[in-house]
């Protein structure tokens, strides 16, 4: 393995760990959205790296575009939920989401 490959793998694993840590340590919904986005960027990095290794960059790029679209949809839906949560309870605490109806 070259230094480039080790750097890519280490960066990906660190991004996944940072995203998971962000998801586990907080109840603030904006921080959870950021943690999901960080972990998804690591997945995107791994897919690009896998495409580079296999020589199928076209296929990897199409998967990456799909992942980016899914990321945006998740972020928009969670942002809408967080806005409703803040409007109703003046708090971004995820534990209040059980009370949210309508």
PDB file of N, CA and C in Angstrom:
ATOM      1  N   UNK A   1       0.844  -1.193   0.000  1.00  0.00           N
ATOM      2  CA  UNK A   1       0.000   0.000   0.000  1.00  0.00           C
ATOM      3  C   UNK A   1       0.883   1.247   0.000  1.00  0.00           C
ATOM      4  N   UNK A   2       0.454   2.195  -0.772  1.00  0.00           N
ATOM      5  CA  UNK A   2       1.213   3.440  -0.827  1.00  0.00           C
ATOM      6  C   UNK A   2       0.766   4.385   0.279  1.00  0.00           C
ATOM      7  N   UNK A   3       1.488   5.451   0.434  1.00  0.00           N
ATOM      8  CA  UNK A   3       1.148   6.442   1.460  1.00  0.00           C
ATOM      9  C   UNK A   3      -0.185   7.116   1.143  1.00  0.00           C
ATOM     10  N   UNK A   4      -0.477   7.295  -0.144  1.00  0.00           N
ATOM     11  CA  UNK A   4      -1.751   7.884  -0.550  1.00  0.00           C
ATOM     12  C   UNK A   4      -2.926   7.015  -0.122  1.00  0.00           C
ATOM     13  N   UNK A   5      -2.818   5.704  -0.354  1.00  0.00           N
ATOM     14  CA  UNK A   5      -3.893   4.787   0.010  1.00  0.00           C
ATOM     15  C   UNK A   5      -4.104   4.757   1.517  1.00  0.00           C
ATOM     16  N   UNK A   6      -3.026   4.741   2.258  1.00  0.00           N
ATOM     17  CA  UNK A   6      -3.140   4.748   3.719  1.00  0.00           C
ATOM     18  C   UNK A   6      -3.774   6.047   4.200  1.00  0.00           C
ATOM     19  N   UNK A   7      -3.402   7.166   3.593  1.00  0.00           N
ATOM     20  CA  UNK A   7      -3.976   8.452   3.983  1.00  0.00           C
ATOM     21  C   UNK A   7      -5.475   8.513   3.681  1.00  0.00           C
ATOM     22  N   UNK A   8      -5.879   7.973   2.538  1.00  0.00           N
ATOM     23  CA  UNK A   8      -7.299   7.978   2.180  1.00  0.00           C
ATOM     24  C   UNK A   8      -8.087   7.107   3.147  1.00  0.00           C
ATOM     25  N   UNK A   9      -7.597   5.918   3.431  1.00  0.00           N
ATOM     26  CA  UNK A   9      -8.304   5.025   4.352  1.00  0.00           C
ATOM     27  C   UNK A   9      -8.357   5.593   5.769  1.00  0.00           C
ATOM     28  N   UNK A  10      -7.253   6.151   6.223  1.00  0.00           N
ATOM     29  CA  UNK A  10      -7.227   6.731   7.573  1.00  0.00           C
ATOM     30  C   UNK A  10      -8.177   7.922   7.673  1.00  0.00           C
ATOM     31  N   UNK A  11      -8.195   8.759   6.639  1.00  0.00           N
ATOM     32  CA  UNK A  11      -9.104   9.909   6.649  1.00  0.00           C
ATOM     33  C   UNK A  11     -10.551   9.461   6.652  1.00  0.00           C
ATOM     34  N   UNK A  12     -10.860   8.442   5.858  1.00  0.00           N
ATOM     35  CA  UNK A  12     -12.229   7.926   5.829  1.00  0.00           C
ATOM     36  C   UNK A  12     -12.670   7.371   7.173  1.00  0.00           C
ATOM     37  N   UNK A  13     -11.809   6.583   7.786  1.00  0.00           N
ATOM     38  CA  UNK A  13     -12.158   6.020   9.092  1.00  0.00           C
ATOM     39  C   UNK A  13     -12.294   7.107  10.158  1.00  0.00           C
ATOM     40  N   UNK A  14     -11.431   8.102  10.109  1.00  0.00           N
ATOM     41  CA  UNK A  14     -11.544   9.202  11.073  1.00  0.00           C
ATOM     42  C   UNK A  14     -12.827   9.996  10.867  1.00  0.00           C
ATOM     43  N   UNK A  15     -13.225  10.193   9.613  1.00  0.00           N
ATOM     44  CA  UNK A  15     -14.479  10.894   9.352  1.00  0.00           C
ATOM     45  C   UNK A  15     -15.681  10.099   9.849  1.00  0.00           C
ATOM     46  N   UNK A  16     -15.661   8.786   9.646  1.00  0.00           N
ATOM     47  CA  UNK A  16     -16.753   7.958  10.148  1.00  0.00           C
ATOM     48  C   UNK A  16     -16.794   7.991  11.668  1.00  0.00           C
ATOM     49  N   UNK A  17     -15.651   7.897  12.310  1.00  0.00           N
ATOM     50  CA  UNK A  17     -15.610   7.966  13.769  1.00  0.00           C
ATOM     51  C   UNK A  17     -16.106   9.319  14.282  1.00  0.00           C
ATOM     52  N   UNK A  18     -15.708  10.397  13.618  1.00  0.00           N
ATOM     53  CA  UNK A  18     -16.166  11.725  14.024  1.00  0.00           C
ATOM     54  C   UNK A  18     -17.676  11.859  13.858  1.00  0.00           C
ATOM     55  N   UNK A  19     -18.208  11.342  12.751  1.00  0.00           N
ATOM     56  CA  UNK A  19     -19.657  11.398  12.537  1.00  0.00           C
ATOM     57  C   UNK A  19     -20.419  10.579  13.557  1.00  0.00           C
ATOM     58  N   UNK A  20     -19.940   9.377  13.843  1.00  0.00           N
ATOM     59  CA  UNK A  20     -20.604   8.532  14.840  1.00  0.00           C
ATOM     60  C   UNK A  20     -20.500   9.135  16.237  1.00  0.00           C
ATOM     61  N   UNK A  21     -19.359   9.717  16.554  1.00  0.00           N
ATOM     62  CA  UNK A  21     -19.199  10.376  17.854  1.00  0.00           C
ATOM     63  C   UNK A  21     -20.184  11.533  17.982  1.00  0.00           C
ATOM     64  N   UNK A  22     -20.334  12.273  16.902  1.00  0.00           N
ATOM     65  CA  UNK A  22     -21.269  13.402  16.900  1.00  0.00           C
ATOM     66  C   UNK A  22     -22.705  12.909  17.070  1.00  0.00           C
ATOM     67  N   UNK A  23     -23.023  11.772  16.491  1.00  0.00           N
ATOM     68  CA  UNK A  23     -24.376  11.218  16.627  1.00  0.00           C
ATOM     69  C   UNK A  23     -24.653  10.706  18.042  1.00  0.00           C
ATOM     70  N   UNK A  24     -23.646  10.133  18.672  1.00  0.00           N
ATOM     71  CA  UNK A  24     -23.857   9.514  19.973  1.00  0.00           C
ATOM     72  C   UNK A  24     -23.841  10.499  21.136  1.00  0.00           C
ATOM     73  N   UNK A  25     -23.159  11.612  20.990  1.00  0.00           N
ATOM     74  CA  UNK A  25     -22.914  12.476  22.137  1.00  0.00           C
ATOM     75  C   UNK A  25     -23.923  13.597  22.339  1.00  0.00           C
ATOM     76  N   UNK A  26     -24.909  13.743  21.473  1.00  0.00           N
ATOM     77  CA  UNK A  26     -25.761  14.912  21.591  1.00  0.00           C
ATOM     78  C   UNK A  26     -27.217  14.575  21.321  1.00  0.00           C
ATOM     79  N   UNK A  27     -28.087  15.440  21.807  1.00  0.00           N
ATOM     80  CA  UNK A  27     -29.506  15.383  21.493  1.00  0.00           C
ATOM     81  C   UNK A  27     -29.920  16.570  20.642  1.00  0.00           C
ATOM     82  N   UNK A  28     -28.985  17.438  20.302  1.00  0.00           N
ATOM     83  CA  UNK A  28     -29.267  18.626  19.501  1.00  0.00           C
ATOM     84  C   UNK A  28     -29.386  18.193  18.038  1.00  0.00           C
ATOM     85  N   UNK A  29     -30.519  18.470  17.415  1.00  0.00           N
ATOM     86  CA  UNK A  29     -30.802  17.919  16.094  1.00  0.00           C
ATOM     87  C   UNK A  29     -29.885  18.480  15.008  1.00  0.00           C
ATOM     88  N   UNK A  30     -29.440  19.722  15.134  1.00  0.00           N
ATOM     89  CA  UNK A  30     -28.528  20.285  14.134  1.00  0.00           C
ATOM     90  C   UNK A  30     -27.173  19.574  14.194  1.00  0.00           C
ATOM     91  N   UNK A  31     -26.705  19.269  15.384  1.00  0.00           N
ATOM     92  CA  UNK A  31     -25.446  18.532  15.514  1.00  0.00           C
ATOM     93  C   UNK A  31     -25.578  17.115  14.969  1.00  0.00           C
ATOM     94  N   UNK A  32     -26.748  16.530  15.092  1.00  0.00           N
ATOM     95  CA  UNK A  32     -26.990  15.203  14.535  1.00  0.00           C
ATOM     96  C   UNK A  32     -26.960  15.257  13.012  1.00  0.00           C
ATOM     97  N   UNK A  33     -27.554  16.288  12.424  1.00  0.00           N
ATOM     98  CA  UNK A  33     -27.516  16.455  10.969  1.00  0.00           C
ATOM     99  C   UNK A  33     -26.064  16.592  10.504  1.00  0.00           C
ATOM    100  N   UNK A  34     -25.275  17.366  11.219  1.00  0.00           N
ATOM    101  CA  UNK A  34     -23.869  17.546  10.856  1.00  0.00           C
ATOM    102  C   UNK A  34     -23.110  16.215  10.973  1.00  0.00           C
ATOM    103  N   UNK A  35     -23.404  15.436  12.005  1.00  0.00           N
ATOM    104  CA  UNK A  35     -22.757  14.131  12.160  1.00  0.00           C
ATOM    105  C   UNK A  35     -23.098  13.176  11.028  1.00  0.00           C
ATOM    106  N   UNK A  36     -24.352  13.182  10.593  1.00  0.00           N
ATOM    107  CA  UNK A  36     -24.753  12.342   9.465  1.00  0.00           C
ATOM    108  C   UNK A  36     -24.031  12.779   8.193  1.00  0.00           C
ATOM    109  N   UNK A  37     -23.941  14.078   7.992  1.00  0.00           N
ATOM    110  CA  UNK A  37     -23.266  14.592   6.795  1.00  0.00           C
ATOM    111  C   UNK A  37     -21.779  14.228   6.790  1.00  0.00           C
ATOM    112  N   UNK A  38     -21.137  14.298   7.932  1.00  0.00           N
ATOM    113  CA  UNK A  38     -19.712  13.943   8.016  1.00  0.00           C
ATOM    114  C   UNK A  38     -19.514  12.465   7.697  1.00  0.00           C
ATOM    115  N   UNK A  39     -20.365  11.609   8.257  1.00  0.00           N
ATOM    116  CA  UNK A  39     -20.241  10.174   7.985  1.00  0.00           C
ATOM    117  C   UNK A  39     -20.525   9.864   6.511  1.00  0.00           C
ATOM    118  N   UNK A  40     -21.475  10.561   5.916  1.00  0.00           N
ATOM    119  CA  UNK A  40     -21.775  10.339   4.501  1.00  0.00           C
ATOM    120  C   UNK A  40     -20.629  10.808   3.599  1.00  0.00           C
ATOM    121  N   UNK A  41     -19.929  11.847   4.002  1.00  0.00           N
ATOM    122  CA  UNK A  41     -18.764  12.279   3.218  1.00  0.00           C
ATOM    123  C   UNK A  41     -17.680  11.206   3.229  1.00  0.00           C
ATOM    124  N   UNK A  42     -17.553  10.494   4.344  1.00  0.00           N
ATOM    125  CA  UNK A  42     -16.583   9.402   4.404  1.00  0.00           C
ATOM    126  C   UNK A  42     -16.991   8.269   3.466  1.00  0.00           C
ATOM    127  N   UNK A  43     -18.279   7.975   3.408  1.00  0.00           N
ATOM    128  CA  UNK A  43     -18.764   6.945   2.487  1.00  0.00           C
ATOM    129  C   UNK A  43     -18.481   7.359   1.043  1.00  0.00           C
ATOM    130  N   UNK A  44     -18.689   8.627   0.748  1.00  0.00           N
ATOM    131  CA  UNK A  44     -18.395   9.136  -0.589  1.00  0.00           C
ATOM    132  C   UNK A  44     -16.907   8.986  -0.912  1.00  0.00           C
ATOM    133  N   UNK A  45     -16.064   9.278   0.054  1.00  0.00           N
ATOM    134  CA  UNK A  45     -14.621   9.121  -0.134  1.00  0.00           C
ATOM    135  C   UNK A  45     -14.255   7.675  -0.405  1.00  0.00           C
ATOM    136  N   UNK A  46     -14.852   6.735   0.333  1.00  0.00           N
ATOM    137  CA  UNK A  46     -14.562   5.326   0.133  1.00  0.00           C
ATOM    138  C   UNK A  46     -15.029   4.841  -1.234  1.00  0.00           C
ATOM    139  N   UNK A  47     -16.174   5.314  -1.694  1.00  0.00           N
ATOM    140  CA  UNK A  47     -16.656   4.902  -3.019  1.00  0.00           C
ATOM    141  C   UNK A  47     -15.747   5.451  -4.113  1.00  0.00           C
ATOM    142  N   UNK A  48     -15.293   6.690  -3.962  1.00  0.00           N
ATOM    143  CA  UNK A  48     -14.363   7.249  -4.945  1.00  0.00           C
ATOM    144  C   UNK A  48     -13.054   6.462  -4.950  1.00  0.00           C
ATOM    145  N   UNK A  49     -12.597   6.089  -3.793  1.00  0.00           N
ATOM    146  CA  UNK A  49     -11.364   5.309  -3.698  1.00  0.00           C
ATOM    147  C   UNK A  49     -11.546   3.918  -4.313  1.00  0.00           C
ATOM    148  N   UNK A  50     -12.699   3.290  -4.065  1.00  0.00           N
ATOM    149  CA  UNK A  50     -12.965   1.973  -4.643  1.00  0.00           C
ATOM    150  C   UNK A  50     -13.036   2.057  -6.171  1.00  0.00           C
ATOM    151  N   UNK A  51     -13.621   3.134  -6.684  1.00  0.00           N
ATOM    152  CA  UNK A  51     -13.647   3.320  -8.131  1.00  0.00           C
ATOM    153  C   UNK A  51     -12.263   3.532  -8.705  1.00  0.00           C
ATOM    154  N   UNK A  52     -11.428   4.212  -7.952  1.00  0.00           N
ATOM    155  CA  UNK A  52     -10.037   4.433  -8.382  1.00  0.00           C
ATOM    156  C   UNK A  52      -9.270   3.118  -8.423  1.00  0.00           C
ATOM    157  N   UNK A  53      -9.473   2.283  -7.438  1.00  0.00           N
ATOM    158  CA  UNK A  53      -8.756   1.001  -7.382  1.00  0.00           C
ATOM    159  C   UNK A  53      -9.208   0.077  -8.513  1.00  0.00           C
ATOM    160  N   UNK A  54     -10.514   0.002  -8.739  1.00  0.00           N
ATOM    161  CA  UNK A  54     -11.049  -0.912  -9.751  1.00  0.00           C
ATOM    162  C   UNK A  54     -10.975  -0.364 -11.172  1.00  0.00           C
ATOM    163  N   UNK A  55     -10.686   0.908 -11.319  1.00  0.00           N
ATOM    164  CA  UNK A  55     -10.647   1.499 -12.641  1.00  0.00           C
ATOM    165  C   UNK A  55     -12.020   1.817 -13.206  1.00  0.00           C
ATOM    166  N   UNK A  56     -13.016   1.827 -12.371  1.00  0.00           N
ATOM    167  CA  UNK A  56     -14.401   2.116 -12.777  1.00  0.00           C
ATOM    168  C   UNK A  56     -14.832   3.465 -12.213  1.00  0.00           C
ATOM    169  N   UNK A  57     -14.136   4.510 -12.607  1.00  0.00           N
ATOM    170  CA  UNK A  57     -14.448   5.838 -12.065  1.00  0.00           C
ATOM    171  C   UNK A  57     -15.819   6.339 -12.521  1.00  0.00           C
ATOM    172  N   UNK A  58     -16.262   5.953 -13.710  1.00  0.00           N
ATOM    173  CA  UNK A  58     -17.582   6.378 -14.179  1.00  0.00           C
ATOM    174  C   UNK A  58     -18.694   5.834 -13.289  1.00  0.00           C
ATOM    175  N   UNK A  59     -18.589   4.563 -12.947  1.00  0.00           N
ATOM    176  CA  UNK A  59     -19.573   3.950 -12.065  1.00  0.00           C
ATOM    177  C   UNK A  59     -19.507   4.567 -10.674  1.00  0.00           C
ATOM    178  N   UNK A  60     -18.301   4.791 -10.178  1.00  0.00           N
ATOM    179  CA  UNK A  60     -18.137   5.400  -8.854  1.00  0.00           C
ATOM    180  C   UNK A  60     -18.711   6.807  -8.832  1.00  0.00           C
ATOM    181  N   UNK A  61     -18.514   7.563  -9.907  1.00  0.00           N
ATOM    182  CA  UNK A  61     -19.051   8.921  -9.959  1.00  0.00           C
ATOM    183  C   UNK A  61     -20.573   8.919  -9.970  1.00  0.00           C
ATOM    184  N   UNK A  62     -21.183   7.956 -10.645  1.00  0.00           N
ATOM    185  CA  UNK A  62     -22.648   7.898 -10.636  1.00  0.00           C
ATOM    186  C   UNK A  62     -23.177   7.542  -9.245  1.00  0.00           C
ATOM    187  N   UNK A  63     -22.475   6.660  -8.542  1.00  0.00           N
ATOM    188  CA  UNK A  63     -22.865   6.356  -7.165  1.00  0.00           C
ATOM    189  C   UNK A  63     -22.689   7.572  -6.261  1.00  0.00           C
ATOM    190  N   UNK A  64     -21.623   8.310  -6.465  1.00  0.00           N
ATOM    191  CA  UNK A  64     -21.359   9.493  -5.652  1.00  0.00           C
ATOM    192  C   UNK A  64     -22.444  10.546  -5.854  1.00  0.00           C
ATOM    193  N   UNK A  65     -22.866  10.742  -7.094  1.00  0.00           N
ATOM    194  CA  UNK A  65     -23.944  11.701  -7.353  1.00  0.00           C
ATOM    195  C   UNK A  65     -25.231  11.254  -6.672  1.00  0.00           C
ATOM    196  N   UNK A  66     -25.512   9.952  -6.719  1.00  0.00           N
ATOM    197  CA  UNK A  66     -26.693   9.428  -6.035  1.00  0.00           C
ATOM    198  C   UNK A  66     -26.595   9.653  -4.532  1.00  0.00           C
ATOM    199  N   UNK A  67     -25.433   9.415  -3.964  1.00  0.00           N
ATOM    200  CA  UNK A  67     -25.243   9.617  -2.527  1.00  0.00           C
ATOM    201  C   UNK A  67     -25.419  11.090  -2.162  1.00  0.00           C
ATOM    202  N   UNK A  68     -24.917  11.981  -2.992  1.00  0.00           N
ATOM    203  CA  UNK A  68     -25.065  13.411  -2.712  1.00  0.00           C
ATOM    204  C   UNK A  68     -26.530  13.813  -2.728  1.00  0.00           C
ATOM    205  N   UNK A  69     -27.308  13.278  -3.666  1.00  0.00           N
ATOM    206  CA  UNK A  69     -28.737  13.585  -3.722  1.00  0.00           C
ATOM    207  C   UNK A  69     -29.444  13.067  -2.473  1.00  0.00           C
ATOM    208  N   UNK A  70     -29.116  11.856  -2.066  1.00  0.00           N
ATOM    209  CA  UNK A  70     -29.729  11.297  -0.853  1.00  0.00           C
ATOM    210  C   UNK A  70     -29.336  12.121   0.370  1.00  0.00           C
ATOM    211  N   UNK A  71     -28.077  12.552   0.429  1.00  0.00           N
ATOM    212  CA  UNK A  71     -27.615  13.403   1.528  1.00  0.00           C
ATOM    213  C   UNK A  71     -28.422  14.689   1.627  1.00  0.00           C
ATOM    214  N   UNK A  72     -28.640  15.316   0.495  1.00  0.00           N
ATOM    215  CA  UNK A  72     -29.374  16.581   0.477  1.00  0.00           C
ATOM    216  C   UNK A  72     -30.812  16.365   0.922  1.00  0.00           C
ATOM    217  N   UNK A  73     -31.439  15.293   0.461  1.00  0.00           N
ATOM    218  CA  UNK A  73     -32.822  15.009   0.863  1.00  0.00           C
ATOM    219  C   UNK A  73     -32.903  14.775   2.366  1.00  0.00           C
ATOM    220  N   UNK A  74     -31.973  14.005   2.898  1.00  0.00           N
ATOM    221  CA  UNK A  74     -31.964  13.753   4.346  1.00  0.00           C
ATOM    222  C   UNK A  74     -31.766  15.049   5.114  1.00  0.00           C
ATOM    223  N   UNK A  75     -30.838  15.883   4.672  1.00  0.00           N
ATOM    224  CA  UNK A  75     -30.576  17.145   5.369  1.00  0.00           C
ATOM    225  C   UNK A  75     -31.789  18.069   5.320  1.00  0.00           C
ATOM    226  N   UNK A  76     -32.474  18.131   4.187  1.00  0.00           N
ATOM    227  CA  UNK A  76     -33.637  19.012   4.064  1.00  0.00           C
ATOM    228  C   UNK A  76     -34.787  18.520   4.934  1.00  0.00           C
ATOM    229  N   UNK A  77     -35.043  17.228   4.930  1.00  0.00           N
ATOM    230  CA  UNK A  77     -36.132  16.689   5.755  1.00  0.00           C
ATOM    231  C   UNK A  77     -35.839  16.896   7.237  1.00  0.00           C
ATOM    232  N   UNK A  78     -34.613  16.602   7.655  1.00  0.00           N
ATOM    233  CA  UNK A  78     -34.267  16.797   9.066  1.00  0.00           C
ATOM    234  C   UNK A  78     -34.267  18.274   9.457  1.00  0.00           C
ATOM    235  N   UNK A  79     -33.894  19.143   8.532  1.00  0.00           N
ATOM    236  CA  UNK A  79     -33.946  20.578   8.823  1.00  0.00           C
ATOM    237  C   UNK A  79     -35.386  21.049   8.982  1.00  0.00           C
ATOM    238  N   UNK A  80     -36.278  20.524   8.163  1.00  0.00           N
ATOM    239  CA  UNK A  80     -37.699  20.866   8.312  1.00  0.00           C
ATOM    240  C   UNK A  80     -38.262  20.395   9.639  1.00  0.00           C
ATOM    241  N   UNK A  81     -37.891  19.193  10.026  1.00  0.00           N
ATOM    242  CA  UNK A  81     -38.331  18.684  11.330  1.00  0.00           C
ATOM    243  C   UNK A  81     -37.768  19.540  12.456  1.00  0.00           C
ATOM    244  N   UNK A  82     -36.501  19.939  12.325  1.00  0.00           N
ATOM    245  CA  UNK A  82     -35.895  20.754  13.381  1.00  0.00           C
ATOM    246  C   UNK A  82     -36.538  22.134  13.458  1.00  0.00           C
ATOM    247  N   UNK A  83     -36.931  22.699  12.318  1.00  0.00           N
ATOM    248  CA  UNK A  83     -37.620  23.990  12.358  1.00  0.00           C
ATOM    249  C   UNK A  83     -38.972  23.881  13.048  1.00  0.00           C
ATOM    250  N   UNK A  84     -39.725  22.821  12.749  1.00  0.00           N
ATOM    251  CA  UNK A  84     -40.999  22.616  13.444  1.00  0.00           C
ATOM    252  C   UNK A  84     -40.785  22.387  14.930  1.00  0.00           C
ATOM    253  N   UNK A  85     -39.748  21.664  15.270  1.00  0.00           N
ATOM    254  CA  UNK A  85     -39.429  21.417  16.672  1.00  0.00           C
ATOM    255  C   UNK A  85     -39.104  22.717  17.388  1.00  0.00           C
ATOM    256  N   UNK A  86     -38.329  23.571  16.738  1.00  0.00           N
ATOM    257  CA  UNK A  86     -37.968  24.841  17.362  1.00  0.00           C
ATOM    258  C   UNK A  86     -39.167  25.779  17.448  1.00  0.00           C
ATOM    259  N   UNK A  87     -40.011  25.782  16.414  1.00  0.00           N
ATOM    260  CA  UNK A  87     -41.206  26.630  16.435  1.00  0.00           C
ATOM    261  C   UNK A  87     -42.124  26.280  17.590  1.00  0.00           C
ATOM    262  N   UNK A  88     -42.282  24.992  17.835  1.00  0.00           N
ATOM    263  CA  UNK A  88     -43.236  24.547  18.855  1.00  0.00           C
ATOM    264  C   UNK A  88     -42.655  24.610  20.267  1.00  0.00           C
ATOM    265  N   UNK A  89     -41.405  24.186  20.458  1.00  0.00           N
ATOM    266  CA  UNK A  89     -40.856  24.038  21.813  1.00  0.00           C
ATOM    267  C   UNK A  89     -39.726  25.006  22.135  1.00  0.00           C
ATOM    268  N   UNK A  90     -39.303  25.845  21.181  1.00  0.00           N
ATOM    269  CA  UNK A  90     -38.193  26.784  21.376  1.00  0.00           C
ATOM    270  C   UNK A  90     -36.924  26.068  21.836  1.00  0.00           C
ATOM    271  N   UNK A  91     -36.764  24.842  21.339  1.00  0.00           N
ATOM    272  CA  UNK A  91     -35.606  24.036  21.677  1.00  0.00           C
ATOM    273  C   UNK A  91     -35.314  23.087  20.526  1.00  0.00           C
ATOM    274  N   UNK A  92     -34.055  22.756  20.325  1.00  0.00           N
ATOM    275  CA  UNK A  92     -33.667  21.803  19.290  1.00  0.00           C
ATOM    276  C   UNK A  92     -33.369  20.430  19.880  1.00  0.00           C
ATOM    277  N   UNK A  93     -33.851  20.177  21.084  1.00  0.00           N
ATOM    278  CA  UNK A  93     -33.607  18.907  21.753  1.00  0.00           C
ATOM    279  C   UNK A  93     -34.430  17.806  21.092  1.00  0.00           C
ATOM    280  N   UNK A  94     -33.778  16.743  20.712  1.00  0.00           N
ATOM    281  CA  UNK A  94     -34.417  15.650  19.998  1.00  0.00           C
ATOM    282  C   UNK A  94     -35.412  14.891  20.867  1.00  0.00           C
ATOM    283  N   UNK A  95     -35.276  14.977  22.164  1.00  0.00           N
ATOM    284  CA  UNK A  95     -36.189  14.265  23.054  1.00  0.00           C
ATOM    285  C   UNK A  95     -37.596  14.839  23.010  1.00  0.00           C
ATOM    286  N   UNK A  96     -37.755  16.069  22.506  1.00  0.00           N
ATOM    287  CA  UNK A  96     -39.082  16.667  22.373  1.00  0.00           C
ATOM    288  C   UNK A  96     -39.830  16.177  21.144  1.00  0.00           C
ATOM    289  N   UNK A  97     -39.196  15.415  20.309  1.00  0.00           N
ATOM    290  CA  UNK A  97     -39.815  15.033  19.045  1.00  0.00           C
ATOM    291  C   UNK A  97     -40.974  14.067  19.255  1.00  0.00           C
ATOM    292  N   UNK A  98     -41.019  13.388  20.368  1.00  0.00           N
ATOM    293  CA  UNK A  98     -42.149  12.482  20.644  1.00  0.00           C
ATOM    294  C   UNK A  98     -43.437  13.253  20.838  1.00  0.00           C
ATOM    295  N   UNK A  99     -43.332  14.481  21.290  1.00  0.00           N
ATOM    296  CA  UNK A  99     -44.523  15.315  21.530  1.00  0.00           C
ATOM    297  C   UNK A  99     -44.992  16.018  20.263  1.00  0.00           C
ATOM    298  N   UNK A 100     -44.175  16.034  19.208  1.00  0.00           N
ATOM    299  CA  UNK A 100     -44.476  16.760  17.992  1.00  0.00           C
ATOM    300  C   UNK A 100     -45.486  15.980  17.150  1.00  0.00           C
ATOM    301  N   UNK A 101     -46.632  16.607  16.889  1.00  0.00           N
ATOM    302  CA  UNK A 101     -47.675  15.981  16.055  1.00  0.00           C
ATOM    303  C   UNK A 101     -48.188  17.009  15.077  1.00  0.00           C
ATOM    304  N   UNK A 102     -48.732  16.523  13.974  1.00  0.00           N
ATOM    305  CA  UNK A 102     -49.370  17.436  13.028  1.00  0.00           C
ATOM    306  C   UNK A 102     -48.588  17.534  11.827  1.00  0.00           C
TER     307      UNK A 102
END
